Protein backbone atom coordinates (compact mmCIF):
# COMPACT_ATOMS: atom_id res chain seq x y z
CA MET A 1 160.25 -82.33 184.90
CA LEU A 2 162.14 -80.60 187.72
CA PRO A 3 165.95 -80.78 187.57
CA ARG A 4 167.55 -83.24 189.95
CA THR A 5 169.24 -81.77 193.00
CA ARG A 6 172.83 -82.54 193.99
CA HIS A 7 171.40 -84.58 196.85
CA GLN A 8 169.32 -86.77 194.52
CA GLU A 9 172.14 -87.13 192.01
CA THR A 10 174.44 -88.28 194.81
CA VAL A 11 171.86 -90.74 196.15
CA ASP A 12 171.37 -92.13 192.63
CA ARG A 13 175.09 -92.54 191.97
CA ILE A 14 175.83 -94.33 195.24
CA ALA A 15 172.75 -96.55 194.84
CA GLU A 16 173.82 -97.43 191.31
CA TRP A 17 177.27 -98.41 192.62
CA ILE A 18 175.60 -100.77 195.08
CA VAL A 19 173.07 -102.41 192.74
CA GLY A 20 175.70 -102.59 190.00
CA GLY A 21 177.97 -104.69 192.22
CA ARG A 22 180.78 -102.22 192.78
CA PHE A 23 180.30 -102.86 196.50
CA SER A 24 178.99 -106.24 197.66
CA ALA A 25 176.89 -106.99 200.74
CA GLU A 26 178.71 -106.18 203.98
CA ALA A 27 181.43 -104.31 202.09
CA ALA A 28 182.57 -101.00 203.53
CA LEU A 29 181.90 -97.91 201.45
CA PRO A 30 184.60 -95.27 200.97
CA THR A 31 184.70 -92.40 203.45
CA GLU A 32 182.49 -89.35 202.99
CA ASP A 33 185.52 -87.36 201.85
CA GLU A 34 186.44 -90.01 199.27
CA ILE A 35 182.91 -90.24 197.90
CA GLY A 36 182.56 -86.47 197.88
CA GLY A 37 185.85 -86.15 196.00
CA GLU A 38 184.78 -88.65 193.35
CA LEU A 39 181.34 -87.12 192.87
CA GLY A 40 182.39 -83.49 193.30
CA VAL A 41 180.08 -82.77 196.23
CA SER A 42 180.53 -81.78 199.86
CA ARG A 43 180.65 -84.10 202.86
CA THR A 44 177.27 -82.69 203.91
CA VAL A 45 175.68 -83.79 200.65
CA VAL A 46 177.22 -87.26 200.97
CA ARG A 47 176.06 -87.55 204.58
CA GLU A 48 172.49 -86.63 203.63
CA ALA A 49 172.59 -89.10 200.74
CA MET A 50 173.65 -91.84 203.13
CA ARG A 51 170.73 -91.03 205.40
CA THR A 52 168.39 -91.56 202.47
CA LEU A 53 169.99 -94.92 201.66
CA VAL A 54 169.87 -95.95 205.32
CA ALA A 55 166.12 -95.22 205.31
CA LYS A 56 165.76 -97.49 202.27
CA GLY A 57 167.63 -100.29 204.03
CA MET A 58 170.52 -100.32 201.56
CA VAL A 59 173.33 -99.25 203.89
CA GLU A 60 173.98 -99.03 207.61
CA VAL A 61 176.29 -96.78 209.53
CA ARG A 62 178.28 -98.53 212.27
CA ARG A 63 180.18 -96.56 214.84
CA ARG A 64 183.93 -97.04 214.35
CA HIS A 65 183.23 -99.32 211.38
CA GLY A 66 182.03 -96.81 208.82
CA THR A 67 179.18 -97.34 206.35
CA ARG A 68 178.49 -100.82 205.00
CA VAL A 69 176.21 -102.22 202.32
CA ARG A 70 173.32 -104.31 203.59
CA PRO A 71 172.13 -107.56 201.94
CA VAL A 72 169.41 -107.25 199.30
CA ASP A 73 166.82 -108.84 201.61
CA SER A 74 167.20 -105.84 203.92
CA TRP A 75 166.41 -103.29 201.19
CA SER A 76 163.00 -101.67 200.80
CA LEU A 77 162.30 -103.81 197.76
CA PHE A 78 158.89 -102.27 197.05
CA ASP A 79 160.22 -98.71 197.12
CA PRO A 80 159.87 -97.23 193.59
CA GLN A 81 163.36 -95.69 193.72
CA VAL A 82 164.95 -98.96 194.81
CA VAL A 83 163.14 -100.74 191.99
CA ALA A 84 164.32 -98.15 189.47
CA TRP A 85 167.94 -98.47 190.64
CA ARG A 86 167.80 -102.25 190.40
CA LEU A 87 166.39 -102.18 186.89
CA THR A 88 169.00 -99.63 185.82
CA GLY A 89 171.72 -101.80 187.33
CA GLY A 90 170.70 -104.81 185.24
CA LEU A 91 167.81 -107.24 185.33
CA THR A 92 168.61 -110.76 186.52
CA ARG A 93 166.81 -114.07 186.20
CA GLU A 94 166.56 -114.21 190.00
CA PHE A 95 164.80 -110.83 190.05
CA VAL A 96 162.26 -111.97 187.44
CA ASP A 97 161.63 -115.32 189.15
CA ASP A 98 161.16 -113.69 192.55
CA LEU A 99 158.86 -111.06 191.08
CA ILE A 100 156.69 -113.67 189.36
CA GLY A 101 156.84 -115.98 192.39
CA PHE A 102 155.53 -113.19 194.62
CA ARG A 103 152.58 -112.65 192.31
CA LEU A 104 151.88 -116.39 192.06
CA GLY A 105 151.86 -116.64 195.84
CA ILE A 106 149.10 -114.05 196.21
CA GLU A 107 146.97 -113.36 193.14
CA PRO A 108 145.67 -116.84 192.18
CA HIS A 109 144.63 -117.46 195.79
CA ALA A 110 142.88 -114.07 195.87
CA ALA A 111 141.11 -114.89 192.59
CA GLY A 112 139.75 -118.13 194.05
CA MET A 113 138.45 -116.27 197.09
CA ALA A 114 136.96 -113.59 194.85
CA ALA A 115 135.02 -116.23 192.93
CA ASN A 116 133.56 -117.44 196.23
CA ASN A 117 132.59 -113.94 197.34
CA PRO A 118 128.89 -113.32 196.58
CA ALA A 119 129.45 -109.58 197.01
CA PHE A 120 132.32 -109.42 194.53
CA PRO A 121 132.16 -106.11 192.53
CA ILE A 122 131.54 -107.58 189.08
CA ALA A 123 130.80 -104.18 187.56
CA ALA A 124 134.21 -102.83 188.60
CA LEU A 125 135.99 -105.84 187.09
CA GLU A 126 134.03 -105.55 183.84
CA ASP A 127 134.76 -101.83 183.67
CA ALA A 128 138.49 -102.46 184.05
CA TYR A 129 138.39 -105.11 181.34
CA ARG A 130 136.46 -102.84 178.96
CA ARG A 131 139.04 -100.10 179.46
CA MET A 132 141.85 -102.58 178.77
CA ALA A 133 140.15 -103.68 175.56
CA ALA A 134 139.66 -100.06 174.48
CA ALA A 135 143.26 -99.16 175.30
CA VAL A 136 144.72 -101.74 172.90
CA ASP A 137 142.93 -99.78 170.17
CA GLY A 138 144.48 -96.55 171.35
CA LYS A 139 141.68 -95.35 173.61
CA GLY A 140 142.98 -94.93 177.14
CA ASP A 141 145.76 -96.09 179.44
CA TYR A 142 146.21 -99.87 179.29
CA HIS A 143 148.52 -100.10 182.29
CA ALA A 144 146.11 -98.15 184.52
CA ALA A 145 143.19 -100.36 183.48
CA ASP A 146 145.26 -103.52 183.93
CA LEU A 147 146.26 -102.41 187.42
CA ASP A 148 142.60 -101.75 188.30
CA PHE A 149 141.68 -105.23 187.02
CA HIS A 150 144.16 -106.96 189.31
CA GLU A 151 143.52 -104.70 192.31
CA THR A 152 139.77 -105.32 191.99
CA ILE A 153 140.37 -109.06 192.25
CA VAL A 154 142.51 -108.78 195.38
CA ALA A 155 140.14 -106.29 197.01
CA GLY A 156 137.22 -108.54 196.06
CA SER A 157 138.76 -111.49 197.86
CA ASN A 158 136.98 -110.16 200.95
CA ASN A 159 140.07 -110.83 203.07
CA GLN A 160 141.32 -108.00 205.25
CA PHE A 161 144.93 -109.18 205.17
CA LEU A 162 145.03 -109.48 201.39
CA ARG A 163 143.48 -106.03 201.09
CA GLN A 164 146.31 -104.66 203.25
CA LEU A 165 148.77 -106.00 200.68
CA ILE A 166 147.28 -104.02 197.79
CA PRO A 167 149.70 -101.03 198.01
CA LEU A 168 152.73 -103.37 197.99
CA LEU A 169 151.21 -105.60 195.32
CA SER A 170 150.42 -102.58 193.16
CA ASN A 171 154.09 -101.59 193.07
CA THR A 172 154.97 -105.16 192.10
CA LEU A 173 152.33 -105.15 189.37
CA ARG A 174 153.64 -101.89 187.93
CA ILE A 175 157.12 -103.41 187.69
CA SER A 176 155.77 -106.57 186.09
CA PHE A 177 153.64 -104.66 183.59
CA SER A 178 156.51 -102.36 182.63
CA LEU A 179 158.65 -105.41 181.81
CA SER A 180 156.09 -107.66 180.12
CA VAL A 181 153.57 -105.31 178.45
CA ILE A 182 155.83 -103.27 176.21
CA SER A 183 153.64 -102.93 173.12
CA MET A 184 149.99 -103.04 172.16
CA GLU A 185 150.61 -106.43 170.57
CA THR A 186 151.60 -108.02 173.89
CA ALA A 187 148.68 -106.23 175.56
CA ARG A 188 146.23 -107.53 172.97
CA ALA A 189 147.57 -111.09 173.34
CA ALA A 190 146.90 -110.94 177.08
CA LEU A 191 143.25 -109.89 176.74
CA PRO A 192 141.78 -113.42 176.30
CA MET A 193 143.56 -114.57 179.46
CA HIS A 194 142.13 -111.64 181.41
CA ARG A 195 138.69 -112.42 179.98
CA ALA A 196 138.99 -116.03 181.11
CA VAL A 197 139.84 -114.93 184.67
CA ALA A 198 136.93 -112.49 184.74
CA ASP A 199 134.49 -115.11 183.42
CA ALA A 200 135.64 -117.64 186.03
CA ILE A 201 135.15 -115.17 188.88
CA ILE A 202 131.75 -114.07 187.58
CA GLY A 203 130.77 -117.72 187.13
CA ARG A 204 131.80 -118.55 190.72
CA ASP A 205 134.43 -120.98 189.41
CA ALA A 206 137.13 -120.71 192.08
CA ARG A 207 139.46 -123.28 190.56
CA GLY A 208 139.12 -121.76 187.11
CA ALA A 209 139.87 -118.32 188.54
CA ARG A 210 142.98 -119.59 190.33
CA ASP A 211 144.25 -121.50 187.31
CA GLY A 212 143.43 -118.69 184.92
CA LEU A 213 145.31 -116.07 186.90
CA ALA A 214 148.28 -118.39 187.39
CA THR A 215 148.36 -118.91 183.61
CA LEU A 216 148.24 -115.14 183.06
CA ILE A 217 151.13 -114.54 185.45
CA GLU A 218 153.23 -117.32 183.92
CA SER A 219 152.57 -115.75 180.53
CA ALA A 220 154.04 -112.50 181.88
CA ARG A 221 157.16 -114.41 182.89
CA GLN A 222 157.53 -115.79 179.38
CA ASP A 223 156.97 -112.35 177.85
CA ILE A 224 159.75 -110.89 180.02
CA LEU A 225 162.20 -113.70 179.32
CA GLY A 226 161.32 -113.70 175.63
CA LEU A 227 162.31 -110.05 175.42
CA ARG A 228 165.39 -110.40 177.59
CA THR A 229 167.62 -113.00 175.97
CA ASP A 230 170.46 -111.82 178.22
CA ILE A 231 168.67 -113.25 181.28
CA LEU A 232 168.57 -116.71 179.74
CA GLN A 233 172.16 -116.49 178.52
CA GLY A 234 173.58 -114.79 181.61
CA GLY A 235 175.16 -112.07 179.52
CA GLU A 236 175.01 -108.30 179.50
CA THR A 237 171.63 -106.65 179.99
CA GLU A 238 170.12 -105.35 176.77
CA TRP A 239 166.59 -104.77 175.53
CA LYS A 240 165.54 -106.20 172.22
CA GLU A 241 164.27 -103.56 169.83
CA VAL A 242 160.64 -103.00 170.81
CA SER A 243 158.02 -100.31 170.46
CA HIS A 244 157.29 -98.95 173.93
CA ILE A 245 153.83 -97.82 174.87
C-alpha cells in the first residue's frame, strides 16, 4: 500500500472533523492558516484539500464568508471516500435505515421485472449463486459473488433506467455487505434466501421474487443492528467481537 500524501492526510482529517460533528451543517470552518497550524501543513495543502471536499459536496467556499460545511444531503453519498469517512465517524441508525430503504426501493422491484423477463440470464445468476455457495466453504470471494448475484438481477430487469443505477447501487451493496456479512456464518445463513430469490426469478414468479428479495434485504438490516448494539441504544459506536472475512 502506498503511503498517504500530506494532501490526502489533510483531506481525511478535515472530513473526519465534519462527519464526526465537530462542525455542523452551515458552520464556518477555521481559516486556512488556522487549519494549517493545527495540522502542521501549509496553506497550499489546506487549499487543495478544500478543493477536494468541495468536489465531494461536503463544503462550499463563499466569497467574503469563508468555507462552510454543507448539509449531508449535498454530499456525494455514493463516493467511496465519503462512505469510508462516515463509517469511521460512527454508524447511526439513520444511516442504516436509509441504506436499507434505498435497497428496498430498487432491488425488489427489479427482481419482479427480472422474473417477467423471458431473456433473463439464468446462467449468470446460477453461476453467481454457485460461487457464493463455494465461498462459504473457503473457495472464492463471497462478497464478489454476492455483488454479481444482485447486479445480475438489476441488469436482468430489462429496464434501461435501472441498469443506469447499477454503478451507484453497487457502491451501496458493498457498504451493506461490509456491515452485514462479517463472517462465513452470516454468509451461510443468507444462502437459502438467495436461493429462494433465484428460484422465484427462474420460475417466473414475480411476486415471489419481490418478496424474497425484500426479505433478504430486511435480514441484512437485522444482521447489522444485531451486531451494532450501540445503534439501538444510541451510545458510542463499537463493533461486537466478530471474525472478519
